[in-house]
Amino acid sequence: MAGNLIYVSDNQTLTLSSAGQAVLTHVNTGSNIKTDVTSDWTANQGLLLQTRSDATPGQYTGEVTWTLQNTVE
């Protein structure tokens, strides 16, 4: 399909690929609070498919793998 999977947050657009890329970071305050990464997503924000004008109409399938890492900055 002619297009890209993108992640839009705070007016910043990241084009996603098969290479790993950080799209969100969170600092653990030790207060055991749950983080909902989709709570701020709208029709124009979050994980989106950006198609080009030469994309052929049809049904497509794909897979997105999210990897969480507990790391030190």
PDB file of N, CA and C in Angstrom:
ATOM      1  N   MET A   1       0.846  -1.176   0.000  1.00  0.00           N
ATOM      2  CA  MET A   1       0.000   0.000   0.000  1.00  0.00           C
ATOM      3  C   MET A   1       0.889   1.236   0.000  1.00  0.00           C
ATOM      4  N   ALA A   2       0.514   2.213  -0.749  1.00  0.00           N
ATOM      5  CA  ALA A   2       1.298   3.436  -0.848  1.00  0.00           C
ATOM      6  C   ALA A   2       0.969   4.357   0.326  1.00  0.00           C
ATOM      7  N   GLY A   3       1.847   4.376   1.307  1.00  0.00           N
ATOM      8  CA  GLY A   3       1.631   5.224   2.467  1.00  0.00           C
ATOM      9  C   GLY A   3       2.526   4.828   3.619  1.00  0.00           C
ATOM     10  N   ASN A   4       2.298   5.450   4.764  1.00  0.00           N
ATOM     11  CA  ASN A   4       3.120   5.207   5.939  1.00  0.00           C
ATOM     12  C   ASN A   4       2.261   5.126   7.190  1.00  0.00           C
ATOM     13  N   LEU A   5       2.740   4.356   8.142  1.00  0.00           N
ATOM     14  CA  LEU A   5       2.158   4.355   9.476  1.00  0.00           C
ATOM     15  C   LEU A   5       2.857   5.478  10.231  1.00  0.00           C
ATOM     16  N   ILE A   6       2.066   6.389  10.814  1.00  0.00           N
ATOM     17  CA  ILE A   6       2.652   7.526  11.518  1.00  0.00           C
ATOM     18  C   ILE A   6       2.098   7.601  12.934  1.00  0.00           C
ATOM     19  N   TYR A   7       2.840   8.279  13.796  1.00  0.00           N
ATOM     20  CA  TYR A   7       2.400   8.546  15.156  1.00  0.00           C
ATOM     21  C   TYR A   7       2.441  10.055  15.348  1.00  0.00           C
ATOM     22  N   VAL A   8       1.283  10.649  15.655  1.00  0.00           N
ATOM     23  CA  VAL A   8       1.175  12.098  15.809  1.00  0.00           C
ATOM     24  C   VAL A   8       0.879  12.410  17.268  1.00  0.00           C
ATOM     25  N   SER A   9       1.704  13.285  17.863  1.00  0.00           N
ATOM     26  CA  SER A   9       1.528  13.697  19.248  1.00  0.00           C
ATOM     27  C   SER A   9       2.053  15.116  19.412  1.00  0.00           C
ATOM     28  N   ASP A  10       1.239  15.981  20.007  1.00  0.00           N
ATOM     29  CA  ASP A  10       1.650  17.369  20.266  1.00  0.00           C
ATOM     30  C   ASP A  10       2.221  18.049  19.019  1.00  0.00           C
ATOM     31  N   ASN A  11       1.535  17.918  17.900  1.00  0.00           N
ATOM     32  CA  ASN A  11       1.921  18.524  16.623  1.00  0.00           C
ATOM     33  C   ASN A  11       3.258  18.013  16.093  1.00  0.00           C
ATOM     34  N   GLN A  12       3.727  16.872  16.584  1.00  0.00           N
ATOM     35  CA  GLN A  12       4.935  16.234  16.077  1.00  0.00           C
ATOM     36  C   GLN A  12       4.518  14.944  15.381  1.00  0.00           C
ATOM     37  N   THR A  13       5.014  14.731  14.160  1.00  0.00           N
ATOM     38  CA  THR A  13       4.681  13.537  13.395  1.00  0.00           C
ATOM     39  C   THR A  13       5.927  12.679  13.231  1.00  0.00           C
ATOM     40  N   LEU A  14       5.837  11.420  13.664  1.00  0.00           N
ATOM     41  CA  LEU A  14       6.921  10.456  13.490  1.00  0.00           C
ATOM     42  C   LEU A  14       6.480   9.419  12.478  1.00  0.00           C
ATOM     43  N   THR A  15       7.277   9.195  11.432  1.00  0.00           N
ATOM     44  CA  THR A  15       6.997   8.135  10.475  1.00  0.00           C
ATOM     45  C   THR A  15       7.591   6.851  11.031  1.00  0.00           C
ATOM     46  N   LEU A  16       6.754   5.839  11.211  1.00  0.00           N
ATOM     47  CA  LEU A  16       7.193   4.580  11.806  1.00  0.00           C
ATOM     48  C   LEU A  16       7.673   3.613  10.739  1.00  0.00           C
ATOM     49  N   SER A  17       8.614   2.757  11.111  1.00  0.00           N
ATOM     50  CA  SER A  17       9.155   1.763  10.192  1.00  0.00           C
ATOM     51  C   SER A  17       9.452   0.493  10.980  1.00  0.00           C
ATOM     52  N   SER A  18      10.110  -0.449  10.346  1.00  0.00           N
ATOM     53  CA  SER A  18      10.442  -1.692  11.036  1.00  0.00           C
ATOM     54  C   SER A  18      11.550  -1.502  12.071  1.00  0.00           C
ATOM     55  N   ALA A  19      12.267  -0.393  12.003  1.00  0.00           N
ATOM     56  CA  ALA A  19      13.283  -0.084  13.011  1.00  0.00           C
ATOM     57  C   ALA A  19      12.596   0.435  14.274  1.00  0.00           C
ATOM     58  N   GLY A  20      13.104   0.083  15.427  1.00  0.00           N
ATOM     59  CA  GLY A  20      12.521   0.546  16.684  1.00  0.00           C
ATOM     60  C   GLY A  20      12.611   2.053  16.833  1.00  0.00           C
ATOM     61  N   GLN A  21      11.574   2.642  17.399  1.00  0.00           N
ATOM     62  CA  GLN A  21      11.537   4.086  17.569  1.00  0.00           C
ATOM     63  C   GLN A  21      10.691   4.413  18.786  1.00  0.00           C
ATOM     64  N   ALA A  22      11.198   5.246  19.673  1.00  0.00           N
ATOM     65  CA  ALA A  22      10.434   5.657  20.852  1.00  0.00           C
ATOM     66  C   ALA A  22       9.354   6.648  20.429  1.00  0.00           C
ATOM     67  N   VAL A  23       8.111   6.386  20.824  1.00  0.00           N
ATOM     68  CA  VAL A  23       7.019   7.303  20.523  1.00  0.00           C
ATOM     69  C   VAL A  23       6.464   7.940  21.796  1.00  0.00           C
ATOM     70  N   LEU A  24       6.787   7.365  22.954  1.00  0.00           N
ATOM     71  CA  LEU A  24       6.278   7.881  24.215  1.00  0.00           C
ATOM     72  C   LEU A  24       7.217   7.480  25.337  1.00  0.00           C
ATOM     73  N   THR A  25       7.471   8.401  26.245  1.00  0.00           N
ATOM     74  CA  THR A  25       8.243   8.077  27.433  1.00  0.00           C
ATOM     75  C   THR A  25       7.449   8.486  28.655  1.00  0.00           C
ATOM     76  N   HIS A  26       7.729   7.828  29.762  1.00  0.00           N
ATOM     77  CA  HIS A  26       7.007   8.093  31.005  1.00  0.00           C
ATOM     78  C   HIS A  26       7.969   7.881  32.161  1.00  0.00           C
ATOM     79  N   VAL A  27       7.966   8.795  33.113  1.00  0.00           N
ATOM     80  CA  VAL A  27       8.811   8.664  34.293  1.00  0.00           C
ATOM     81  C   VAL A  27       7.978   8.060  35.411  1.00  0.00           C
ATOM     82  N   ASN A  28       8.447   6.941  35.952  1.00  0.00           N
ATOM     83  CA  ASN A  28       7.760   6.260  37.042  1.00  0.00           C
ATOM     84  C   ASN A  28       8.004   7.022  38.341  1.00  0.00           C
ATOM     85  N   THR A  29       6.937   7.480  38.947  1.00  0.00           N
ATOM     86  CA  THR A  29       7.055   8.210  40.212  1.00  0.00           C
ATOM     87  C   THR A  29       6.914   7.292  41.414  1.00  0.00           C
ATOM     88  N   GLY A  30       6.713   6.007  41.162  1.00  0.00           N
ATOM     89  CA  GLY A  30       6.578   5.043  42.238  1.00  0.00           C
ATOM     90  C   GLY A  30       5.210   5.036  42.881  1.00  0.00           C
ATOM     91  N   SER A  31       4.270   5.752  42.310  1.00  0.00           N
ATOM     92  CA  SER A  31       2.937   5.872  42.903  1.00  0.00           C
ATOM     93  C   SER A  31       1.944   4.845  42.351  1.00  0.00           C
ATOM     94  N   ASN A  32       2.423   3.893  41.529  1.00  0.00           N
ATOM     95  CA  ASN A  32       1.586   2.816  40.997  1.00  0.00           C
ATOM     96  C   ASN A  32       0.387   3.343  40.202  1.00  0.00           C
ATOM     97  N   ILE A  33       0.611   4.376  39.389  1.00  0.00           N
ATOM     98  CA  ILE A  33      -0.442   4.973  38.569  1.00  0.00           C
ATOM     99  C   ILE A  33      -0.431   4.317  37.194  1.00  0.00           C
ATOM    100  N   LYS A  34      -1.612   3.973  36.688  1.00  0.00           N
ATOM    101  CA  LYS A  34      -1.725   3.405  35.354  1.00  0.00           C
ATOM    102  C   LYS A  34      -1.619   4.517  34.319  1.00  0.00           C
ATOM    103  N   THR A  35      -0.982   4.215  33.199  1.00  0.00           N
ATOM    104  CA  THR A  35      -0.819   5.167  32.111  1.00  0.00           C
ATOM    105  C   THR A  35      -1.596   4.675  30.904  1.00  0.00           C
ATOM    106  N   ASP A  36      -2.544   5.457  30.427  1.00  0.00           N
ATOM    107  CA  ASP A  36      -3.346   5.122  29.249  1.00  0.00           C
ATOM    108  C   ASP A  36      -2.779   5.899  28.065  1.00  0.00           C
ATOM    109  N   VAL A  37      -2.035   5.223  27.206  1.00  0.00           N
ATOM    110  CA  VAL A  37      -1.371   5.904  26.099  1.00  0.00           C
ATOM    111  C   VAL A  37      -2.341   6.367  25.012  1.00  0.00           C
ATOM    112  N   THR A  38      -3.559   5.849  24.998  1.00  0.00           N
ATOM    113  CA  THR A  38      -4.516   6.226  23.961  1.00  0.00           C
ATOM    114  C   THR A  38      -5.521   7.279  24.421  1.00  0.00           C
ATOM    115  N   SER A  39      -5.442   7.719  25.660  1.00  0.00           N
ATOM    116  CA  SER A  39      -6.462   8.634  26.195  1.00  0.00           C
ATOM    117  C   SER A  39      -6.511   9.975  25.468  1.00  0.00           C
ATOM    118  N   ASP A  40      -5.391  10.426  24.905  1.00  0.00           N
ATOM    119  CA  ASP A  40      -5.353  11.716  24.211  1.00  0.00           C
ATOM    120  C   ASP A  40      -5.500  11.585  22.701  1.00  0.00           C
ATOM    121  N   TRP A  41      -5.682  10.370  22.196  1.00  0.00           N
ATOM    122  CA  TRP A  41      -5.787  10.187  20.756  1.00  0.00           C
ATOM    123  C   TRP A  41      -7.110  10.739  20.250  1.00  0.00           C
ATOM    124  N   THR A  42      -7.059  11.399  19.108  1.00  0.00           N
ATOM    125  CA  THR A  42      -8.244  11.935  18.440  1.00  0.00           C
ATOM    126  C   THR A  42      -8.213  11.447  16.986  1.00  0.00           C
ATOM    127  N   ALA A  43      -9.080  11.991  16.165  1.00  0.00           N
ATOM    128  CA  ALA A  43      -9.094  11.626  14.747  1.00  0.00           C
ATOM    129  C   ALA A  43      -7.796  12.035  14.051  1.00  0.00           C
ATOM    130  N   ASN A  44      -7.085  13.012  14.616  1.00  0.00           N
ATOM    131  CA  ASN A  44      -5.855  13.516  13.994  1.00  0.00           C
ATOM    132  C   ASN A  44      -4.628  13.336  14.874  1.00  0.00           C
ATOM    133  N   GLN A  45      -4.731  12.519  15.882  1.00  0.00           N
ATOM    134  CA  GLN A  45      -3.611  12.327  16.802  1.00  0.00           C
ATOM    135  C   GLN A  45      -3.571  10.875  17.256  1.00  0.00           C
ATOM    136  N   GLY A  46      -2.371  10.347  17.406  1.00  0.00           N
ATOM    137  CA  GLY A  46      -2.187   8.961  17.809  1.00  0.00           C
ATOM    138  C   GLY A  46      -1.572   8.170  16.673  1.00  0.00           C
ATOM    139  N   LEU A  47      -1.894   6.905  16.590  1.00  0.00           N
ATOM    140  CA  LEU A  47      -1.399   6.023  15.544  1.00  0.00           C
ATOM    141  C   LEU A  47      -2.312   6.144  14.327  1.00  0.00           C
ATOM    142  N   LEU A  48      -1.757   6.575  13.197  1.00  0.00           N
ATOM    143  CA  LEU A  48      -2.557   6.856  12.000  1.00  0.00           C
ATOM    144  C   LEU A  48      -1.919   6.249  10.757  1.00  0.00           C
ATOM    145  N   LEU A  49      -2.726   5.983   9.757  1.00  0.00           N
ATOM    146  CA  LEU A  49      -2.241   5.534   8.458  1.00  0.00           C
ATOM    147  C   LEU A  49      -2.338   6.706   7.500  1.00  0.00           C
ATOM    148  N   GLN A  50      -1.202   7.110   6.972  1.00  0.00           N
ATOM    149  CA  GLN A  50      -1.137   8.241   6.043  1.00  0.00           C
ATOM    150  C   GLN A  50      -0.939   7.682   4.641  1.00  0.00           C
ATOM    151  N   THR A  51      -1.982   7.737   3.823  1.00  0.00           N
ATOM    152  CA  THR A  51      -1.893   7.173   2.472  1.00  0.00           C
ATOM    153  C   THR A  51      -1.501   8.252   1.473  1.00  0.00           C
ATOM    154  N   ARG A  52      -0.855   7.792   0.413  1.00  0.00           N
ATOM    155  CA  ARG A  52      -0.488   8.698  -0.671  1.00  0.00           C
ATOM    156  C   ARG A  52      -1.601   8.697  -1.716  1.00  0.00           C
ATOM    157  N   SER A  53      -1.551   9.650  -2.616  1.00  0.00           N
ATOM    158  CA  SER A  53      -2.598   9.769  -3.631  1.00  0.00           C
ATOM    159  C   SER A  53      -2.602   8.593  -4.599  1.00  0.00           C
ATOM    160  N   ASP A  54      -1.484   7.864  -4.706  1.00  0.00           N
ATOM    161  CA  ASP A  54      -1.444   6.727  -5.627  1.00  0.00           C
ATOM    162  C   ASP A  54      -1.786   5.399  -4.945  1.00  0.00           C
ATOM    163  N   ALA A  55      -2.332   5.442  -3.732  1.00  0.00           N
ATOM    164  CA  ALA A  55      -2.735   4.222  -3.025  1.00  0.00           C
ATOM    165  C   ALA A  55      -3.927   3.589  -3.738  1.00  0.00           C
ATOM    166  N   THR A  56      -3.870   2.286  -3.915  1.00  0.00           N
ATOM    167  CA  THR A  56      -4.951   1.557  -4.574  1.00  0.00           C
ATOM    168  C   THR A  56      -6.017   1.184  -3.548  1.00  0.00           C
ATOM    169  N   PRO A  57      -7.280   1.556  -3.794  1.00  0.00           N
ATOM    170  CA  PRO A  57      -8.342   1.189  -2.866  1.00  0.00           C
ATOM    171  C   PRO A  57      -8.452  -0.328  -2.722  1.00  0.00           C
ATOM    172  N   GLY A  58      -8.795  -0.777  -1.541  1.00  0.00           N
ATOM    173  CA  GLY A  58      -8.951  -2.202  -1.291  1.00  0.00           C
ATOM    174  C   GLY A  58      -8.922  -2.487   0.192  1.00  0.00           C
ATOM    175  N   GLN A  59      -8.886  -3.764   0.530  1.00  0.00           N
ATOM    176  CA  GLN A  59      -8.797  -4.182   1.926  1.00  0.00           C
ATOM    177  C   GLN A  59      -7.370  -4.617   2.198  1.00  0.00           C
ATOM    178  N   TYR A  60      -6.794  -4.096   3.276  1.00  0.00           N
ATOM    179  CA  TYR A  60      -5.428  -4.401   3.633  1.00  0.00           C
ATOM    180  C   TYR A  60      -5.391  -4.862   5.090  1.00  0.00           C
ATOM    181  N   THR A  61      -4.409  -5.657   5.427  1.00  0.00           N
ATOM    182  CA  THR A  61      -4.187  -6.039   6.812  1.00  0.00           C
ATOM    183  C   THR A  61      -2.733  -5.783   7.147  1.00  0.00           C
ATOM    184  N   GLY A  62      -2.465  -5.635   8.421  1.00  0.00           N
ATOM    185  CA  GLY A  62      -1.108  -5.410   8.872  1.00  0.00           C
ATOM    186  C   GLY A  62      -1.003  -5.737  10.349  1.00  0.00           C
ATOM    187  N   GLU A  63       0.177  -5.614  10.868  1.00  0.00           N
ATOM    188  CA  GLU A  63       0.416  -5.921  12.279  1.00  0.00           C
ATOM    189  C   GLU A  63       1.353  -4.882  12.862  1.00  0.00           C
ATOM    190  N   VAL A  64       1.022  -4.390  14.041  1.00  0.00           N
ATOM    191  CA  VAL A  64       1.860  -3.444  14.766  1.00  0.00           C
ATOM    192  C   VAL A  64       2.314  -4.125  16.041  1.00  0.00           C
ATOM    193  N   THR A  65       3.611  -4.079  16.311  1.00  0.00           N
ATOM    194  CA  THR A  65       4.147  -4.660  17.531  1.00  0.00           C
ATOM    195  C   THR A  65       4.622  -3.532  18.440  1.00  0.00           C
ATOM    196  N   TRP A  66       4.034  -3.447  19.637  1.00  0.00           N
ATOM    197  CA  TRP A  66       4.427  -2.462  20.638  1.00  0.00           C
ATOM    198  C   TRP A  66       5.390  -3.154  21.607  1.00  0.00           C
ATOM    199  N   THR A  67       6.509  -2.530  21.888  1.00  0.00           N
ATOM    200  CA  THR A  67       7.475  -3.069  22.823  1.00  0.00           C
ATOM    201  C   THR A  67       7.653  -2.076  23.957  1.00  0.00           C
ATOM    202  N   LEU A  68       7.427  -2.538  25.179  1.00  0.00           N
ATOM    203  CA  LEU A  68       7.633  -1.687  26.347  1.00  0.00           C
ATOM    204  C   LEU A  68       8.981  -2.007  26.951  1.00  0.00           C
ATOM    205  N   GLN A  69       9.699  -0.967  27.343  1.00  0.00           N
ATOM    206  CA  GLN A  69      11.005  -1.163  27.945  1.00  0.00           C
ATOM    207  C   GLN A  69      11.099  -0.394  29.251  1.00  0.00           C
ATOM    208  N   ASN A  70      11.617  -1.028  30.272  1.00  0.00           N
ATOM    209  CA  ASN A  70      11.865  -0.388  31.549  1.00  0.00           C
ATOM    210  C   ASN A  70      13.348  -0.067  31.579  1.00  0.00           C
ATOM    211  N   THR A  71      13.690   1.183  31.268  1.00  0.00           N
ATOM    212  CA  THR A  71      15.095   1.564  31.121  1.00  0.00           C
ATOM    213  C   THR A  71      15.433   2.779  31.974  1.00  0.00           C
ATOM    214  N   VAL A  72      16.705   3.018  32.119  1.00  0.00           N
ATOM    215  CA  VAL A  72      17.203   4.186  32.827  1.00  0.00           C
ATOM    216  C   VAL A  72      17.600   5.219  31.789  1.00  0.00           C
ATOM    217  N   GLU A  73      17.218   6.467  32.015  1.00  0.00           N
ATOM    218  CA  GLU A  73      17.594   7.519  31.061  1.00  0.00           C
ATOM    219  C   GLU A  73      19.035   7.869  31.209  1.00  0.00           C
TER     220      GLU A  73
END
